């Protein structure tokens, strides 16, 4: 990596921690500069505003997820087993790659800035790996042929309603072990109950 690329990475890493610790509104660019060991001039040469920096942090996190995330359909496994594995992986990304604290910051900022929310969702959150799995399962004749966007939205709504929103807004603890498996079992059973052949 070039020196400029290293500085950019240092800024993004510091900014992620700043947003997690203080939220978007209270995030301080001076603290980001200190943590990244760069001048304010350098920071603003790479990122013209706090909004641009915030969006860049989210883009980089999601890009790192997308690079390694594929859910190919496996005809040797049951739909239930596969969607359970997918859901466990999605929970891991939610709880450990993003984290609930950063997720809460993202939600609050999206509510505060709906134009930015639309832009970010369109650019980095509109594509979901599970959609391809649904498509392949339909092609294999294991799921009813239905609108891919609709079935993805149903799955996402159930998943987030069970494993995301209670933690973000109700401050419920992150489920683990048997509790996590029970919640995922509920999501998987409802989705497959609605669309299995």
Protein backbone atom coordinates (compact mmCIF):
# COMPACT_ATOMS: atom_id res chain seq x y z
CA UNK A 1 0.00 0.00 0.00
CA UNK A 2 1.15 3.55 -0.70
CA UNK A 3 1.64 6.03 2.11
CA UNK A 4 -1.57 7.79 1.06
CA UNK A 5 -3.53 4.51 1.13
CA UNK A 6 -2.15 3.69 4.57
CA UNK A 7 -3.23 7.09 5.86
CA UNK A 8 -6.69 6.64 4.36
CA UNK A 9 -7.01 3.24 6.05
CA UNK A 10 -5.85 4.69 9.37
CA UNK A 11 -8.48 7.44 9.10
CA UNK A 12 -11.26 4.95 8.33
CA UNK A 13 -10.22 2.68 11.21
CA UNK A 14 -10.09 5.59 13.65
CA UNK A 15 -13.39 6.97 12.36
CA UNK A 16 -15.16 3.64 12.85
CA UNK A 17 -14.13 3.60 16.50
CA UNK A 18 -15.08 7.26 16.90
CA UNK A 19 -18.55 6.66 15.47
CA UNK A 20 -19.00 3.59 17.69
CA UNK A 21 -17.88 5.42 20.84
CA UNK A 22 -19.62 8.75 20.32
CA UNK A 23 -22.26 8.34 17.60
CA UNK A 24 -22.30 10.37 14.43
CA UNK A 25 -23.39 13.74 15.82
CA UNK A 26 -20.87 13.79 18.67
CA UNK A 27 -18.06 12.28 16.58
CA UNK A 28 -15.10 14.65 16.61
CA UNK A 29 -12.75 14.94 13.65
CA UNK A 30 -9.91 16.16 15.87
CA UNK A 31 -10.06 12.89 17.82
CA UNK A 32 -10.12 10.94 14.55
CA UNK A 33 -7.00 12.80 13.37
CA UNK A 34 -5.22 12.13 16.67
CA UNK A 35 -6.09 8.42 16.62
CA UNK A 36 -5.11 8.09 12.95
CA UNK A 37 -1.96 10.20 13.44
CA UNK A 38 -2.81 12.49 10.54
CA UNK A 39 -3.41 16.21 10.18
CA UNK A 40 -6.88 17.64 9.71
CA UNK A 41 -5.80 18.78 6.28
CA UNK A 42 -4.92 15.17 5.37
CA UNK A 43 -8.26 13.91 6.67
CA UNK A 44 -10.24 16.42 4.60
CA UNK A 45 -8.10 15.73 1.54
CA UNK A 46 -9.34 12.12 1.68
CA UNK A 47 -12.86 12.81 2.98
CA UNK A 48 -14.52 16.15 2.30
CA UNK A 49 -17.00 15.93 5.20
CA UNK A 50 -18.00 13.88 8.21
CA UNK A 51 -20.93 12.52 6.17
CA UNK A 52 -18.60 11.31 3.42
CA UNK A 53 -16.32 9.71 6.02
CA UNK A 54 -19.28 7.96 7.66
CA UNK A 55 -20.48 6.60 4.33
CA UNK A 56 -16.94 5.45 3.50
CA UNK A 57 -16.68 3.54 6.77
CA UNK A 58 -19.94 1.72 6.01
CA UNK A 59 -18.91 1.03 2.41
CA UNK A 60 -15.58 -0.47 3.47
CA UNK A 61 -17.17 -2.68 6.13
CA UNK A 62 -19.82 -3.96 3.74
CA UNK A 63 -17.31 -4.45 0.92
CA UNK A 64 -15.19 -6.65 3.18
CA UNK A 65 -18.32 -8.67 3.99
CA UNK A 66 -19.38 -8.96 0.33
CA UNK A 67 -15.93 -10.14 -0.79
CA UNK A 68 -16.18 -13.27 1.32
CA UNK A 69 -19.92 -13.82 1.40
CA UNK A 70 -21.60 -16.33 -0.89
CA UNK A 71 -24.35 -18.79 -0.14
CA UNK A 72 -24.34 -21.34 -2.97
CA UNK A 73 -27.27 -23.73 -2.99
CA UNK A 74 -26.24 -27.27 -1.97
CA UNK A 75 -28.54 -30.02 -3.28
CA UNK A 76 -27.05 -32.50 -0.79
CA UNK A 77 -28.36 -30.54 2.21
CA UNK A 78 -31.91 -29.80 3.28
CA UNK A 79 -33.34 -26.31 2.82
CA UNK A 80 -33.71 -26.06 6.59
CA UNK A 81 -30.06 -26.90 7.24
CA UNK A 82 -28.83 -24.46 4.59
CA UNK A 83 -31.00 -21.51 5.64
CA UNK A 84 -30.04 -22.14 9.27
CA UNK A 85 -26.34 -21.98 8.34
CA UNK A 86 -26.97 -18.79 6.33
CA UNK A 87 -28.84 -17.21 9.23
CA UNK A 88 -26.06 -18.07 11.69
CA UNK A 89 -23.54 -16.43 9.35
CA UNK A 90 -25.76 -13.36 9.00
CA UNK A 91 -26.01 -13.14 12.80
CA UNK A 92 -22.23 -13.36 13.09
CA UNK A 93 -21.82 -10.48 10.62
CA UNK A 94 -24.44 -8.41 12.42
CA UNK A 95 -23.09 -8.97 15.92
CA UNK A 96 -19.34 -9.21 15.30
CA UNK A 97 -18.50 -7.43 12.03
CA UNK A 98 -20.84 -4.48 12.52
CA UNK A 99 -21.73 -4.78 16.17
CA UNK A 100 -24.93 -3.50 17.75
CA UNK A 101 -23.34 -0.22 18.88
CA UNK A 102 -22.31 0.74 15.34
CA UNK A 103 -25.62 -0.60 14.00
CA UNK A 104 -27.48 1.67 16.42
CA UNK A 105 -25.41 4.63 15.23
CA UNK A 106 -26.20 3.76 11.60
CA UNK A 107 -29.96 3.55 12.29
CA UNK A 108 -30.03 6.83 14.19
CA UNK A 109 -28.09 8.62 11.48
CA UNK A 110 -30.32 7.18 8.76
CA UNK A 111 -33.36 8.49 10.63
CA UNK A 112 -31.71 11.91 10.95
CA UNK A 113 -30.57 12.04 7.31
CA UNK A 114 -33.08 10.18 5.09
CA UNK A 115 -31.39 11.36 1.86
CA UNK A 116 -28.09 9.86 2.96
CA UNK A 117 -29.92 6.70 4.08
CA UNK A 118 -31.47 6.26 0.63
CA UNK A 119 -28.11 6.80 -1.05
CA UNK A 120 -26.21 4.38 1.20
CA UNK A 121 -28.90 1.69 1.08
CA UNK A 122 -29.02 1.89 -2.73
CA UNK A 123 -25.23 1.80 -3.07
CA UNK A 124 -24.16 -0.74 -0.48
CA UNK A 125 -27.10 -2.49 1.18
CA UNK A 126 -29.47 -3.27 -1.71
CA UNK A 127 -27.70 -6.50 -2.73
CA UNK A 128 -28.09 -9.48 -0.41
CA UNK A 129 -26.20 -12.77 -0.71
CA UNK A 130 -29.26 -14.74 0.46
CA UNK A 131 -31.17 -13.59 -2.65
CA UNK A 132 -28.91 -15.72 -4.87
CA UNK A 133 -29.50 -18.72 -2.61
CA UNK A 134 -33.26 -18.27 -2.93
CA UNK A 135 -32.88 -18.03 -6.72
CA UNK A 136 -30.81 -21.23 -6.91
CA UNK A 137 -33.23 -23.08 -4.60
CA UNK A 138 -36.11 -22.09 -6.90
CA UNK A 139 -34.18 -23.21 -9.99
CA UNK A 140 -33.56 -26.56 -8.29
CA UNK A 141 -37.32 -26.92 -7.78
CA UNK A 142 -37.06 -26.86 -3.98
CA UNK A 143 -38.84 -23.54 -3.39
CA UNK A 144 -41.99 -22.11 -4.95
CA UNK A 145 -41.25 -19.75 -7.82
CA UNK A 146 -41.91 -16.33 -6.36
CA UNK A 147 -40.63 -12.79 -6.55
CA UNK A 148 -37.01 -12.80 -5.34
CA UNK A 149 -37.18 -9.30 -3.91
CA UNK A 150 -40.32 -10.20 -1.99
CA UNK A 151 -38.95 -13.41 -0.46
CA UNK A 152 -35.68 -11.64 0.42
CA UNK A 153 -37.65 -8.84 2.10
CA UNK A 154 -39.74 -11.37 4.05
CA UNK A 155 -36.63 -13.18 5.24
CA UNK A 156 -34.84 -9.93 6.10
CA UNK A 157 -37.84 -8.55 7.97
CA UNK A 158 -38.17 -11.70 10.08
CA UNK A 159 -34.44 -11.88 10.71
CA UNK A 160 -34.15 -8.23 11.73
CA UNK A 161 -37.36 -8.30 13.74
CA UNK A 162 -36.03 -11.23 15.74
CA UNK A 163 -32.29 -10.57 15.92
CA UNK A 164 -31.68 -6.88 15.23
CA UNK A 165 -34.40 -4.42 16.26
CA UNK A 166 -34.85 -5.78 19.82
CA UNK A 167 -31.11 -5.28 20.42
CA UNK A 168 -30.95 -1.87 18.71
CA UNK A 169 -34.00 -0.22 20.29
CA UNK A 170 -35.03 -2.32 23.30
CA UNK A 171 -31.42 -2.82 24.45
CA UNK A 172 -31.97 -6.56 24.70
CA UNK A 173 -28.78 -8.61 25.06
CA UNK A 174 -27.26 -10.29 22.02
CA UNK A 175 -28.57 -13.86 21.92
CA UNK A 176 -26.08 -16.71 21.88
CA UNK A 177 -25.97 -20.46 22.21
CA UNK A 178 -29.34 -22.17 22.51
CA UNK A 179 -31.27 -18.89 22.57
CA UNK A 180 -29.72 -17.80 19.25
CA UNK A 181 -30.49 -21.18 17.69
CA UNK A 182 -34.13 -21.00 18.86
CA UNK A 183 -34.60 -17.56 17.35
CA UNK A 184 -33.01 -18.63 14.06
CA UNK A 185 -35.13 -21.80 14.05
CA UNK A 186 -38.24 -19.60 14.27
CA UNK A 187 -37.11 -17.40 11.33
CA UNK A 188 -36.15 -20.38 9.16
CA UNK A 189 -39.34 -22.33 9.92
CA UNK A 190 -41.62 -19.39 9.09
CA UNK A 191 -39.82 -18.56 5.81
CA UNK A 192 -39.64 -22.14 4.60
CA UNK A 193 -43.17 -22.84 5.78
CA UNK A 194 -44.37 -20.09 3.47
CA UNK A 195 -42.35 -20.92 0.37
CA UNK A 196 -41.32 -24.59 0.41
CA UNK A 197 -42.89 -26.85 -2.21
